[in-house]
């Protein structure tokens, strides 16, 4: 093999998102979403849909993490953190709703994009770095995207990023190398192994936020995606995605790198709202029983995801026999906190230990078969007042002790199932949004710190 060919192959592997996306159809490490609205699903159908969506999402996340791990090993590239984010103008919040009313396990925020502002419902996603909306540009087929769409021709602040720019060639995730003319827009094509795909262009655009004092403020120069066509089975019922992941193009980073969210119960009606907040936190109230702040470190070595160090999992105070390698990123394990995954996903050794401990303590309840869940129970009568108490022990002394409804979940009238899914080993584990619900989570990206506590989600204080 000639030296020049060897160098080309190495460059294609080490810089995959700007170069390799142009290769013929290999999109196994990509994200993709669909936007078709659908009616709310009844309990069991919703639970099944959550499980299906999570399985598809986990395949995507696993491919991206595995690709990044191999790239670091092959190229000898250490993790290079993004520069410190700029301070936000001041604090601002967005209402955050469960998507159960629309038949999805995602959480939606209301977002205003463009000048004048156009309003959308976006998925709040800590696993995505790109903020994008389905989009209808001049000349697009009116049926290319369904429902509400961003109209860039009606926004005076919309500026396509050129395909000839350094940003397009080197910085933007999943950008294509196709560049018909230097003035052509930078295009992206998200592909997924289930056949889903989303195609659009990158642009700089403004968003309107309402500050804590009630004033409106424009956040200018945001990197956004204008998705003009989408097919597939991921991300339903929304107008797009609000990227909260770790990246210098994510909305969370551009808004100052300090954000917080509190998600209401995943089965809550549409009028029950939590919040997504940006900027410095207000002075905390005095601690009360069960509402004390817990703090741990964030790992940014799994960008755009937020990694957390896990020491173990206990049930009723008993630490379970889970190998330390399950939580070790270098050994093929590790854990992330993901607002876009509904159920909690545990690598096989951890899954077996947790399920064995929970099912042993739930042996009093009659088992029922509810496909595709593995462990379900008839809960119509005789339920005890106290259920097994599961806790996730994080790095340091932090401990996440969710209510039992977050891991023994309602799937139908009188039926509960374990809301935990197995991932093949070796693999990472994911703390999903149901396990996170009714907690306030604060991310301080610059200092790599995460703190959390129980909350009613009524206000950030």
Foldseek 3Di string as FASTA:
>chain_A
DDPVVVVVVLVCLLQVFQEVLQPPPPQAQFDAAAEAFAAADPQQQLLVLLVVQQVQVQSNLQSNLVSLVVSCVVVVDADDADPAFDAAPAKFKWWWAFCNRRSHRFIWTWWFWAVVTDIWIATEKQQFQAWEFAADEPPADPVQHDDDHHYVVPGPQKFFAFLLDPCSNHPDGQWYNDHPDRRHGTKHWRAHPVGKIWIWGKIWTWIWTQHPVRDIDILGRAIHTHTHHIDDDHHYNTRTHQHNFRGCRHPCRNNRQKKKWAYAANNDDGVDIFMIMHHDFDDDDPDDPQFDKFKAFWDCRSPRFTFFQFPAKDKQPHTWPADNLQCPVVSLETETEIAGRQFWEGEPRRVVRVVVVQCVQVVVFDFDDRPPADTKGQQQDDDDPDGIWMWTQTPDGGIQTAPPCLQQDDRHVRMTGGRYHYDYPPHYIYDYVSSRHQKMWIGRPVVRMIMMGGHNSPDRD
